[in-house]
């Protein structure tokens, strides 16, 4: 997980990893923006992250 201040290059790092990692492997970069989610409960945030991961990996 990468987190930090805005505009320091987190997305760029993930995009670089995505380009360099083998297409099939143990690591998959998943993009999930927490901006504007401060009002969400932890449960909702975790559900949305899990949903993004399952969609990316094409899991049921």
PDB file of N, CA and C in Angstrom:
ATOM      1  N   UNK A   1       0.852  -1.167   0.000  1.00  0.00           N
ATOM      2  CA  UNK A   1       0.000   0.000   0.000  1.00  0.00           C
ATOM      3  C   UNK A   1       0.896   1.228   0.000  1.00  0.00           C
ATOM      4  N   UNK A   2       0.537   2.168  -0.819  1.00  0.00           N
ATOM      5  CA  UNK A   2       1.207   3.463  -0.831  1.00  0.00           C
ATOM      6  C   UNK A   2       0.231   4.516  -0.349  1.00  0.00           C
ATOM      7  N   UNK A   3       0.676   5.352   0.536  1.00  0.00           N
ATOM      8  CA  UNK A   3      -0.145   6.477   0.955  1.00  0.00           C
ATOM      9  C   UNK A   3       0.773   7.631   1.289  1.00  0.00           C
ATOM     10  N   UNK A   4       0.246   8.810   1.216  1.00  0.00           N
ATOM     11  CA  UNK A   4       1.054   9.979   1.521  1.00  0.00           C
ATOM     12  C   UNK A   4       0.388  11.241   1.032  1.00  0.00           C
ATOM     13  N   UNK A   5       1.113  12.319   1.147  1.00  0.00           N
ATOM     14  CA  UNK A   5       0.589  13.615   0.731  1.00  0.00           C
ATOM     15  C   UNK A   5       0.280  13.604  -0.750  1.00  0.00           C
ATOM     16  N   UNK A   6      -0.553  14.554  -1.140  1.00  0.00           N
ATOM     17  CA  UNK A   6      -0.894  14.697  -2.550  1.00  0.00           C
ATOM     18  C   UNK A   6       0.321  15.177  -3.335  1.00  0.00           C
ATOM     19  N   UNK A   7       0.366  14.751  -4.597  1.00  0.00           N
ATOM     20  CA  UNK A   7       1.336  15.260  -5.573  1.00  0.00           C
ATOM     21  C   UNK A   7       2.797  14.906  -5.267  1.00  0.00           C
ATOM     22  N   UNK A   8       3.018  13.723  -4.645  1.00  0.00           N
ATOM     23  CA  UNK A   8       4.409  13.332  -4.389  1.00  0.00           C
ATOM     24  C   UNK A   8       4.851  12.155  -5.253  1.00  0.00           C
ATOM     25  N   UNK A   9       3.966  11.637  -6.109  1.00  0.00           N
ATOM     26  CA  UNK A   9       4.357  10.607  -7.055  1.00  0.00           C
ATOM     27  C   UNK A   9       3.888   9.194  -6.770  1.00  0.00           C
ATOM     28  N   UNK A  10       2.892   9.029  -5.904  1.00  0.00           N
ATOM     29  CA  UNK A  10       2.403   7.684  -5.576  1.00  0.00           C
ATOM     30  C   UNK A  10       1.853   6.977  -6.806  1.00  0.00           C
ATOM     31  N   UNK A  11       1.033   7.656  -7.572  1.00  0.00           N
ATOM     32  CA  UNK A  11       0.453   7.057  -8.768  1.00  0.00           C
ATOM     33  C   UNK A  11       1.535   6.750  -9.790  1.00  0.00           C
ATOM     34  N   UNK A  12       2.507   7.623  -9.924  1.00  0.00           N
ATOM     35  CA  UNK A  12       3.610   7.378 -10.861  1.00  0.00           C
ATOM     36  C   UNK A  12       4.383   6.117 -10.484  1.00  0.00           C
ATOM     37  N   UNK A  13       4.609   5.919  -9.200  1.00  0.00           N
ATOM     38  CA  UNK A  13       5.299   4.708  -8.743  1.00  0.00           C
ATOM     39  C   UNK A  13       4.480   3.480  -9.100  1.00  0.00           C
ATOM     40  N   UNK A  14       3.185   3.508  -8.850  1.00  0.00           N
ATOM     41  CA  UNK A  14       2.335   2.363  -9.187  1.00  0.00           C
ATOM     42  C   UNK A  14       2.303   2.105 -10.689  1.00  0.00           C
ATOM     43  N   UNK A  15       2.241   3.150 -11.477  1.00  0.00           N
ATOM     44  CA  UNK A  15       2.240   2.979 -12.927  1.00  0.00           C
ATOM     45  C   UNK A  15       3.552   2.388 -13.415  1.00  0.00           C
ATOM     46  N   UNK A  16       4.654   2.797 -12.816  1.00  0.00           N
ATOM     47  CA  UNK A  16       5.958   2.235 -13.181  1.00  0.00           C
ATOM     48  C   UNK A  16       6.031   0.761 -12.788  1.00  0.00           C
ATOM     49  N   UNK A  17       5.541   0.438 -11.593  1.00  0.00           N
ATOM     50  CA  UNK A  17       5.501  -0.968 -11.175  1.00  0.00           C
ATOM     51  C   UNK A  17       4.641  -1.794 -12.118  1.00  0.00           C
ATOM     52  N   UNK A  18       3.503  -1.267 -12.481  1.00  0.00           N
ATOM     53  CA  UNK A  18       2.597  -1.975 -13.385  1.00  0.00           C
ATOM     54  C   UNK A  18       3.292  -2.278 -14.718  1.00  0.00           C
ATOM     55  N   UNK A  19       4.076  -1.337 -15.207  1.00  0.00           N
ATOM     56  CA  UNK A  19       4.775  -1.519 -16.475  1.00  0.00           C
ATOM     57  C   UNK A  19       5.922  -2.526 -16.360  1.00  0.00           C
ATOM     58  N   UNK A  20       6.552  -2.600 -15.192  1.00  0.00           N
ATOM     59  CA  UNK A  20       7.750  -3.443 -15.046  1.00  0.00           C
ATOM     60  C   UNK A  20       7.478  -4.842 -14.498  1.00  0.00           C
ATOM     61  N   UNK A  21       6.404  -5.006 -13.739  1.00  0.00           N
ATOM     62  CA  UNK A  21       6.122  -6.321 -13.153  1.00  0.00           C
ATOM     63  C   UNK A  21       5.666  -7.291 -14.232  1.00  0.00           C
ATOM     64  N   UNK A  22       5.988  -8.583 -14.066  1.00  0.00           N
ATOM     65  CA  UNK A  22       5.467  -9.568 -15.014  1.00  0.00           C
ATOM     66  C   UNK A  22       3.939  -9.528 -15.009  1.00  0.00           C
ATOM     67  N   UNK A  23       3.354  -9.798 -16.167  1.00  0.00           N
ATOM     68  CA  UNK A  23       1.887  -9.733 -16.276  1.00  0.00           C
ATOM     69  C   UNK A  23       1.212 -10.790 -15.404  1.00  0.00           C
ATOM     70  N   UNK A  24       1.844 -11.914 -15.225  1.00  0.00           N
ATOM     71  CA  UNK A  24       1.338 -12.954 -14.334  1.00  0.00           C
ATOM     72  C   UNK A  24       2.331 -13.087 -13.187  1.00  0.00           C
ATOM     73  N   UNK A  25       1.850 -12.961 -11.982  1.00  0.00           N
ATOM     74  CA  UNK A  25       2.787 -13.049 -10.869  1.00  0.00           C
ATOM     75  C   UNK A  25       2.097 -12.857  -9.540  1.00  0.00           C
ATOM     76  N   UNK A  26       2.887 -12.529  -8.557  1.00  0.00           N
ATOM     77  CA  UNK A  26       2.388 -12.417  -7.190  1.00  0.00           C
ATOM     78  C   UNK A  26       1.986 -10.995  -6.822  1.00  0.00           C
ATOM     79  N   UNK A  27       2.324 -10.017  -7.677  1.00  0.00           N
ATOM     80  CA  UNK A  27       2.051  -8.625  -7.340  1.00  0.00           C
ATOM     81  C   UNK A  27       1.205  -7.972  -8.423  1.00  0.00           C
ATOM     82  N   UNK A  28       0.164  -7.274  -7.988  1.00  0.00           N
ATOM     83  CA  UNK A  28      -0.722  -6.584  -8.908  1.00  0.00           C
ATOM     84  C   UNK A  28      -0.998  -5.185  -8.370  1.00  0.00           C
ATOM     85  N   UNK A  29      -0.654  -4.159  -9.104  1.00  0.00           N
ATOM     86  CA  UNK A  29      -0.961  -2.801  -8.631  1.00  0.00           C
ATOM     87  C   UNK A  29      -2.453  -2.507  -8.779  1.00  0.00           C
ATOM     88  N   UNK A  30      -3.069  -2.097  -7.700  1.00  0.00           N
ATOM     89  CA  UNK A  30      -4.493  -1.748  -7.689  1.00  0.00           C
ATOM     90  C   UNK A  30      -4.580  -0.275  -7.316  1.00  0.00           C
ATOM     91  N   UNK A  31      -5.290   0.491  -8.111  1.00  0.00           N
ATOM     92  CA  UNK A  31      -5.434   1.919  -7.868  1.00  0.00           C
ATOM     93  C   UNK A  31      -6.740   2.177  -7.119  1.00  0.00           C
ATOM     94  N   UNK A  32      -6.640   2.825  -5.966  1.00  0.00           N
ATOM     95  CA  UNK A  32      -7.825   3.192  -5.188  1.00  0.00           C
ATOM     96  C   UNK A  32      -7.546   4.530  -4.527  1.00  0.00           C
ATOM     97  N   UNK A  33      -8.275   5.535  -4.927  1.00  0.00           N
ATOM     98  CA  UNK A  33      -8.068   6.897  -4.436  1.00  0.00           C
ATOM     99  C   UNK A  33      -8.908   7.124  -3.184  1.00  0.00           C
ATOM    100  N   UNK A  34      -8.254   7.472  -2.091  1.00  0.00           N
ATOM    101  CA  UNK A  34      -8.958   7.720  -0.828  1.00  0.00           C
ATOM    102  C   UNK A  34      -9.444   9.163  -0.692  1.00  0.00           C
ATOM    103  N   UNK A  35      -9.094   9.997  -1.673  1.00  0.00           N
ATOM    104  CA  UNK A  35      -9.542  11.389  -1.608  1.00  0.00           C
ATOM    105  C   UNK A  35     -11.067  11.441  -1.603  1.00  0.00           C
ATOM    106  N   UNK A  36     -11.635  12.307  -0.802  1.00  0.00           N
ATOM    107  CA  UNK A  36     -13.082  12.489  -0.653  1.00  0.00           C
ATOM    108  C   UNK A  36     -13.776  11.305   0.022  1.00  0.00           C
ATOM    109  N   UNK A  37     -13.024  10.477   0.712  1.00  0.00           N
ATOM    110  CA  UNK A  37     -13.630   9.323   1.378  1.00  0.00           C
ATOM    111  C   UNK A  37     -13.496   9.409   2.899  1.00  0.00           C
ATOM    112  N   UNK A  38     -13.150  10.573   3.407  1.00  0.00           N
ATOM    113  CA  UNK A  38     -12.947  10.747   4.847  1.00  0.00           C
ATOM    114  C   UNK A  38     -14.217  10.487   5.638  1.00  0.00           C
ATOM    115  N   UNK A  39     -15.359  10.705   5.030  1.00  0.00           N
ATOM    116  CA  UNK A  39     -16.636  10.503   5.721  1.00  0.00           C
ATOM    117  C   UNK A  39     -17.069   9.041   5.724  1.00  0.00           C
ATOM    118  N   UNK A  40     -16.443   8.226   4.903  1.00  0.00           N
ATOM    119  CA  UNK A  40     -16.810   6.813   4.815  1.00  0.00           C
ATOM    120  C   UNK A  40     -16.355   6.077   6.070  1.00  0.00           C
ATOM    121  N   UNK A  41     -17.109   5.061   6.434  1.00  0.00           N
ATOM    122  CA  UNK A  41     -16.688   4.196   7.542  1.00  0.00           C
ATOM    123  C   UNK A  41     -15.537   3.317   7.051  1.00  0.00           C
ATOM    124  N   UNK A  42     -14.769   2.796   7.991  1.00  0.00           N
ATOM    125  CA  UNK A  42     -13.675   1.898   7.638  1.00  0.00           C
ATOM    126  C   UNK A  42     -14.207   0.684   6.882  1.00  0.00           C
ATOM    127  N   UNK A  43     -15.343   0.168   7.334  1.00  0.00           N
ATOM    128  CA  UNK A  43     -15.950  -0.988   6.668  1.00  0.00           C
ATOM    129  C   UNK A  43     -16.249  -0.716   5.203  1.00  0.00           C
ATOM    130  N   UNK A  44     -16.778   0.457   4.922  1.00  0.00           N
ATOM    131  CA  UNK A  44     -17.099   0.810   3.535  1.00  0.00           C
ATOM    132  C   UNK A  44     -15.832   0.937   2.697  1.00  0.00           C
ATOM    133  N   UNK A  45     -14.811   1.575   3.251  1.00  0.00           N
ATOM    134  CA  UNK A  45     -13.542   1.721   2.527  1.00  0.00           C
ATOM    135  C   UNK A  45     -12.967   0.343   2.205  1.00  0.00           C
ATOM    136  N   UNK A  46     -12.940  -0.539   3.197  1.00  0.00           N
ATOM    137  CA  UNK A  46     -12.387  -1.876   2.978  1.00  0.00           C
ATOM    138  C   UNK A  46     -13.202  -2.671   1.963  1.00  0.00           C
ATOM    139  N   UNK A  47     -14.533  -2.533   2.000  1.00  0.00           N
ATOM    140  CA  UNK A  47     -15.379  -3.213   1.004  1.00  0.00           C
ATOM    141  C   UNK A  47     -15.075  -2.719  -0.399  1.00  0.00           C
ATOM    142  N   UNK A  48     -14.914  -1.409  -0.541  1.00  0.00           N
ATOM    143  CA  UNK A  48     -14.624  -0.838  -1.863  1.00  0.00           C
ATOM    144  C   UNK A  48     -13.250  -1.273  -2.371  1.00  0.00           C
ATOM    145  N   UNK A  49     -12.265  -1.320  -1.477  1.00  0.00           N
ATOM    146  CA  UNK A  49     -10.941  -1.798  -1.879  1.00  0.00           C
ATOM    147  C   UNK A  49     -11.025  -3.261  -2.314  1.00  0.00           C
ATOM    148  N   UNK A  50     -11.725  -4.081  -1.532  1.00  0.00           N
ATOM    149  CA  UNK A  50     -11.892  -5.497  -1.878  1.00  0.00           C
ATOM    150  C   UNK A  50     -12.605  -5.643  -3.219  1.00  0.00           C
ATOM    151  N   UNK A  51     -13.602  -4.794  -3.457  1.00  0.00           N
ATOM    152  CA  UNK A  51     -14.336  -4.827  -4.721  1.00  0.00           C
ATOM    153  C   UNK A  51     -13.406  -4.478  -5.889  1.00  0.00           C
ATOM    154  N   UNK A  52     -12.564  -3.456  -5.729  1.00  0.00           N
ATOM    155  CA  UNK A  52     -11.612  -3.085  -6.771  1.00  0.00           C
ATOM    156  C   UNK A  52     -10.638  -4.239  -7.059  1.00  0.00           C
ATOM    157  N   UNK A  53     -10.156  -4.873  -6.007  1.00  0.00           N
ATOM    158  CA  UNK A  53      -9.214  -5.983  -6.176  1.00  0.00           C
ATOM    159  C   UNK A  53      -9.881  -7.145  -6.904  1.00  0.00           C
ATOM    160  N   UNK A  54     -11.079  -7.518  -6.467  1.00  0.00           N
ATOM    161  CA  UNK A  54     -11.754  -8.661  -7.096  1.00  0.00           C
ATOM    162  C   UNK A  54     -12.098  -8.372  -8.549  1.00  0.00           C
ATOM    163  N   UNK A  55     -12.476  -7.134  -8.846  1.00  0.00           N
ATOM    164  CA  UNK A  55     -12.773  -6.772 -10.228  1.00  0.00           C
ATOM    165  C   UNK A  55     -11.500  -6.844 -11.087  1.00  0.00           C
ATOM    166  N   UNK A  56     -10.393  -6.317 -10.564  1.00  0.00           N
ATOM    167  CA  UNK A  56      -9.133  -6.329 -11.291  1.00  0.00           C
ATOM    168  C   UNK A  56      -8.677  -7.759 -11.576  1.00  0.00           C
ATOM    169  N   UNK A  57      -8.820  -8.631 -10.580  1.00  0.00           N
ATOM    170  CA  UNK A  57      -8.375 -10.023 -10.719  1.00  0.00           C
ATOM    171  C   UNK A  57      -9.447 -10.917 -11.360  1.00  0.00           C
ATOM    172  N   UNK A  58     -10.596 -10.316 -11.696  1.00  0.00           N
ATOM    173  CA  UNK A  58     -11.709 -11.043 -12.323  1.00  0.00           C
ATOM    174  C   UNK A  58     -12.164 -12.220 -11.463  1.00  0.00           C
ATOM    175  N   UNK A  59     -12.331 -11.932 -10.170  1.00  0.00           N
ATOM    176  CA  UNK A  59     -12.835 -12.919  -9.211  1.00  0.00           C
ATOM    177  C   UNK A  59     -14.332 -12.693  -9.004  1.00  0.00           C
ATOM    178  N   UNK A  60     -15.052 -13.740  -8.631  1.00  0.00           N
ATOM    179  CA  UNK A  60     -16.501 -13.552  -8.373  1.00  0.00           C
ATOM    180  C   UNK A  60     -16.770 -12.711  -7.136  1.00  0.00           C
TER     181      UNK A  60
END
